[in-house]
Amino acid sequence: MRIDKFLNAVNLTKRRAVAQDMIEEGVVYLNGKAVKASKNVAIGDVITLVYLEKELRYEVLSLPTIKSTPKSQQHLYVKELV
């Protein structure tokens, strides 16, 4: 699954366009490297989102099979790392 679709599907961003903008700005990293929107995500990958005041890291636990998942089920797909 493409990283821009993954970020939207598991509710890490509100819309896919937001995810694409973040990727274009270079604030989304996959396993420590800046990525393009077409990069595929695999189970076990670490996604880093860099905001102005904080940095959030998530480990991919599973890939969703549907376009969008309920926010209450986010824990099934990603685990926030400290």
N, C-alpha and C. Protein backbone atom coordinates (compact mmCIF):
# COMPACT_ATOMS: atom_id res chain seq x y z
N MET A 1 0.86 -1.18 0.00
CA MET A 1 0.00 0.00 0.00
C MET A 1 0.90 1.24 0.00
N ARG A 2 0.53 2.22 -0.82
CA ARG A 2 1.28 3.47 -0.89
C ARG A 2 1.23 4.20 0.46
N ILE A 3 2.31 4.90 0.78
CA ILE A 3 2.38 5.56 2.09
C ILE A 3 1.33 6.66 2.22
N ASP A 4 1.02 7.39 1.15
CA ASP A 4 0.01 8.44 1.26
C ASP A 4 -1.37 7.85 1.53
N LYS A 5 -1.69 6.73 0.90
CA LYS A 5 -2.96 6.05 1.15
C LYS A 5 -2.99 5.46 2.56
N PHE A 6 -1.86 4.92 3.01
CA PHE A 6 -1.79 4.32 4.35
C PHE A 6 -2.03 5.37 5.43
N LEU A 7 -1.37 6.52 5.32
CA LEU A 7 -1.53 7.58 6.32
C LEU A 7 -2.99 8.01 6.44
N ASN A 8 -3.67 8.08 5.32
CA ASN A 8 -5.09 8.45 5.34
C ASN A 8 -5.96 7.31 5.84
N ALA A 9 -5.70 6.09 5.41
CA ALA A 9 -6.54 4.94 5.76
C ALA A 9 -6.54 4.66 7.26
N VAL A 10 -5.40 4.88 7.92
CA VAL A 10 -5.33 4.59 9.36
C VAL A 10 -5.47 5.85 10.22
N ASN A 11 -5.93 6.93 9.59
CA ASN A 11 -6.26 8.18 10.29
C ASN A 11 -5.07 8.90 10.92
N LEU A 12 -3.90 8.79 10.32
CA LEU A 12 -2.78 9.60 10.79
C LEU A 12 -2.85 10.99 10.17
N THR A 13 -3.53 11.11 9.03
CA THR A 13 -3.85 12.40 8.43
C THR A 13 -5.34 12.41 8.11
N LYS A 14 -5.92 13.61 8.03
CA LYS A 14 -7.36 13.70 7.79
C LYS A 14 -7.74 13.37 6.36
N ARG A 15 -6.90 13.79 5.41
CA ARG A 15 -7.17 13.54 4.00
C ARG A 15 -5.90 13.10 3.30
N ARG A 16 -6.08 12.38 2.20
CA ARG A 16 -4.93 11.92 1.43
C ARG A 16 -4.15 13.11 0.87
N ALA A 17 -4.83 14.18 0.52
CA ALA A 17 -4.15 15.38 0.01
C ALA A 17 -3.22 15.97 1.07
N VAL A 18 -3.62 15.91 2.32
CA VAL A 18 -2.77 16.39 3.41
C VAL A 18 -1.52 15.52 3.51
N ALA A 19 -1.71 14.21 3.41
CA ALA A 19 -0.57 13.29 3.45
C ALA A 19 0.38 13.58 2.29
N GLN A 20 -0.15 13.80 1.10
CA GLN A 20 0.69 14.10 -0.06
C GLN A 20 1.45 15.40 0.13
N ASP A 21 0.80 16.43 0.68
CA ASP A 21 1.47 17.70 0.94
C ASP A 21 2.61 17.52 1.95
N MET A 22 2.36 16.76 3.01
CA MET A 22 3.40 16.51 4.02
C MET A 22 4.59 15.79 3.39
N ILE A 23 4.33 14.82 2.53
CA ILE A 23 5.39 14.07 1.88
C ILE A 23 6.20 15.00 0.97
N GLU A 24 5.51 15.86 0.20
CA GLU A 24 6.19 16.80 -0.69
C GLU A 24 7.06 17.78 0.09
N GLU A 25 6.63 18.15 1.29
CA GLU A 25 7.39 19.07 2.13
C GLU A 25 8.58 18.39 2.82
N GLY A 26 8.65 17.07 2.74
CA GLY A 26 9.78 16.34 3.31
C GLY A 26 9.70 16.11 4.80
N VAL A 27 8.48 16.04 5.36
CA VAL A 27 8.35 15.84 6.80
C VAL A 27 7.87 14.43 7.15
N VAL A 28 7.78 13.55 6.15
CA VAL A 28 7.39 12.16 6.37
C VAL A 28 8.58 11.28 6.03
N TYR A 29 8.95 10.42 6.98
CA TYR A 29 10.08 9.52 6.80
C TYR A 29 9.64 8.08 6.99
N LEU A 30 10.21 7.20 6.20
CA LEU A 30 9.94 5.77 6.31
C LEU A 30 11.28 5.10 6.59
N ASN A 31 11.40 4.50 7.77
CA ASN A 31 12.65 3.87 8.19
C ASN A 31 13.83 4.85 8.13
N GLY A 32 13.57 6.11 8.52
CA GLY A 32 14.64 7.10 8.60
C GLY A 32 14.96 7.83 7.31
N LYS A 33 14.26 7.54 6.22
CA LYS A 33 14.54 8.19 4.94
C LYS A 33 13.29 8.92 4.46
N ALA A 34 13.50 10.13 3.91
CA ALA A 34 12.39 10.88 3.31
C ALA A 34 11.85 10.07 2.14
N VAL A 35 10.54 10.12 1.94
CA VAL A 35 9.92 9.26 0.93
C VAL A 35 9.11 10.08 -0.08
N LYS A 36 8.75 9.42 -1.17
CA LYS A 36 7.80 9.94 -2.14
C LYS A 36 6.45 9.30 -1.85
N ALA A 37 5.38 9.90 -2.36
CA ALA A 37 4.03 9.41 -2.08
C ALA A 37 3.81 7.99 -2.60
N SER A 38 4.56 7.57 -3.60
CA SER A 38 4.36 6.26 -4.20
C SER A 38 5.09 5.13 -3.46
N LYS A 39 5.86 5.46 -2.44
CA LYS A 39 6.62 4.44 -1.70
C LYS A 39 5.66 3.49 -0.98
N ASN A 40 5.91 2.21 -1.09
CA ASN A 40 5.05 1.21 -0.44
C ASN A 40 5.46 0.99 1.01
N VAL A 41 4.45 0.78 1.85
CA VAL A 41 4.65 0.52 3.28
C VAL A 41 4.53 -0.99 3.50
N ALA A 42 5.37 -1.52 4.37
CA ALA A 42 5.32 -2.94 4.71
C ALA A 42 5.19 -3.08 6.23
N ILE A 43 4.74 -4.23 6.67
CA ILE A 43 4.62 -4.51 8.09
C ILE A 43 6.01 -4.46 8.72
N GLY A 44 6.11 -3.76 9.85
CA GLY A 44 7.39 -3.62 10.54
C GLY A 44 8.11 -2.33 10.23
N ASP A 45 7.67 -1.59 9.22
CA ASP A 45 8.28 -0.30 8.89
C ASP A 45 7.99 0.72 9.99
N VAL A 46 8.86 1.72 10.11
CA VAL A 46 8.66 2.80 11.07
C VAL A 46 8.43 4.09 10.28
N ILE A 47 7.29 4.72 10.54
CA ILE A 47 6.92 5.98 9.89
C ILE A 47 7.15 7.10 10.89
N THR A 48 7.85 8.15 10.46
CA THR A 48 8.09 9.31 11.31
C THR A 48 7.43 10.53 10.68
N LEU A 49 6.63 11.23 11.47
CA LEU A 49 5.99 12.47 11.04
C LEU A 49 6.61 13.60 11.85
N VAL A 50 7.21 14.58 11.18
CA VAL A 50 7.87 15.68 11.87
C VAL A 50 6.99 16.91 11.80
N TYR A 51 6.57 17.38 12.98
CA TYR A 51 5.79 18.60 13.09
C TYR A 51 6.69 19.70 13.63
N LEU A 52 6.18 20.94 13.72
CA LEU A 52 7.00 22.05 14.17
C LEU A 52 7.58 21.83 15.57
N GLU A 53 6.76 21.32 16.49
CA GLU A 53 7.19 21.21 17.88
C GLU A 53 7.41 19.78 18.36
N LYS A 54 7.08 18.80 17.52
CA LYS A 54 7.22 17.42 17.96
C LYS A 54 7.45 16.49 16.78
N GLU A 55 7.85 15.30 17.11
CA GLU A 55 8.09 14.26 16.11
C GLU A 55 7.38 13.00 16.59
N LEU A 56 6.53 12.44 15.75
CA LEU A 56 5.79 11.24 16.11
C LEU A 56 6.29 10.07 15.27
N ARG A 57 6.50 8.93 15.94
CA ARG A 57 6.98 7.73 15.25
C ARG A 57 5.96 6.61 15.45
N TYR A 58 5.69 5.89 14.38
CA TYR A 58 4.72 4.79 14.40
C TYR A 58 5.31 3.56 13.75
N GLU A 59 5.06 2.41 14.35
CA GLU A 59 5.44 1.14 13.74
C GLU A 59 4.21 0.56 13.05
N VAL A 60 4.38 0.09 11.82
CA VAL A 60 3.28 -0.49 11.05
C VAL A 60 3.06 -1.92 11.53
N LEU A 61 1.86 -2.21 12.04
CA LEU A 61 1.52 -3.54 12.55
C LEU A 61 0.78 -4.38 11.52
N SER A 62 -0.03 -3.71 10.70
CA SER A 62 -0.86 -4.41 9.72
C SER A 62 -1.25 -3.43 8.64
N LEU A 63 -1.61 -3.95 7.47
CA LEU A 63 -2.06 -3.10 6.38
C LEU A 63 -3.58 -3.23 6.24
N PRO A 64 -4.28 -2.10 6.19
CA PRO A 64 -5.74 -2.17 6.07
C PRO A 64 -6.16 -2.69 4.69
N THR A 65 -7.28 -3.38 4.66
CA THR A 65 -7.80 -3.90 3.40
C THR A 65 -8.92 -3.03 2.86
N ILE A 66 -9.36 -2.05 3.66
CA ILE A 66 -10.42 -1.15 3.23
C ILE A 66 -9.87 0.27 3.12
N LYS A 67 -10.60 1.13 2.43
CA LYS A 67 -10.13 2.49 2.14
C LYS A 67 -9.93 3.32 3.39
N SER A 68 -10.84 3.23 4.33
CA SER A 68 -10.67 3.98 5.57
C SER A 68 -11.16 3.14 6.74
N THR A 69 -10.47 3.29 7.85
CA THR A 69 -10.80 2.52 9.04
C THR A 69 -11.27 3.48 10.13
N PRO A 70 -12.10 3.00 11.05
CA PRO A 70 -12.52 3.86 12.16
C PRO A 70 -11.32 4.23 13.04
N LYS A 71 -11.32 5.44 13.55
CA LYS A 71 -10.22 5.89 14.40
C LYS A 71 -10.06 4.98 15.63
N SER A 72 -11.15 4.40 16.08
CA SER A 72 -11.10 3.50 17.24
C SER A 72 -10.33 2.22 16.93
N GLN A 73 -10.10 1.92 15.66
CA GLN A 73 -9.37 0.71 15.28
C GLN A 73 -7.94 1.00 14.84
N GLN A 74 -7.50 2.23 15.04
CA GLN A 74 -6.15 2.64 14.63
C GLN A 74 -5.07 1.76 15.27
N HIS A 75 -5.29 1.34 16.50
CA HIS A 75 -4.30 0.54 17.22
C HIS A 75 -4.03 -0.82 16.55
N LEU A 76 -4.90 -1.25 15.68
CA LEU A 76 -4.69 -2.53 14.98
C LEU A 76 -3.68 -2.39 13.86
N TYR A 77 -3.44 -1.17 13.39
CA TYR A 77 -2.59 -0.95 12.23
C TYR A 77 -1.26 -0.27 12.55
N VAL A 78 -1.24 0.59 13.56
CA VAL A 78 0.00 1.27 13.95
C VAL A 78 0.14 1.31 15.46
N LYS A 79 1.40 1.33 15.88
CA LYS A 79 1.71 1.46 17.31
C LYS A 79 2.63 2.67 17.45
N GLU A 80 2.25 3.63 18.31
CA GLU A 80 3.08 4.82 18.51
C GLU A 80 4.31 4.43 19.32
N LEU A 81 5.46 4.85 18.83
CA LEU A 81 6.73 4.58 19.51
C LEU A 81 7.14 5.80 20.31
N VAL A 82 7.79 5.56 21.42
CA VAL A 82 8.22 6.67 22.30
C VAL A 82 9.64 7.02 22.02
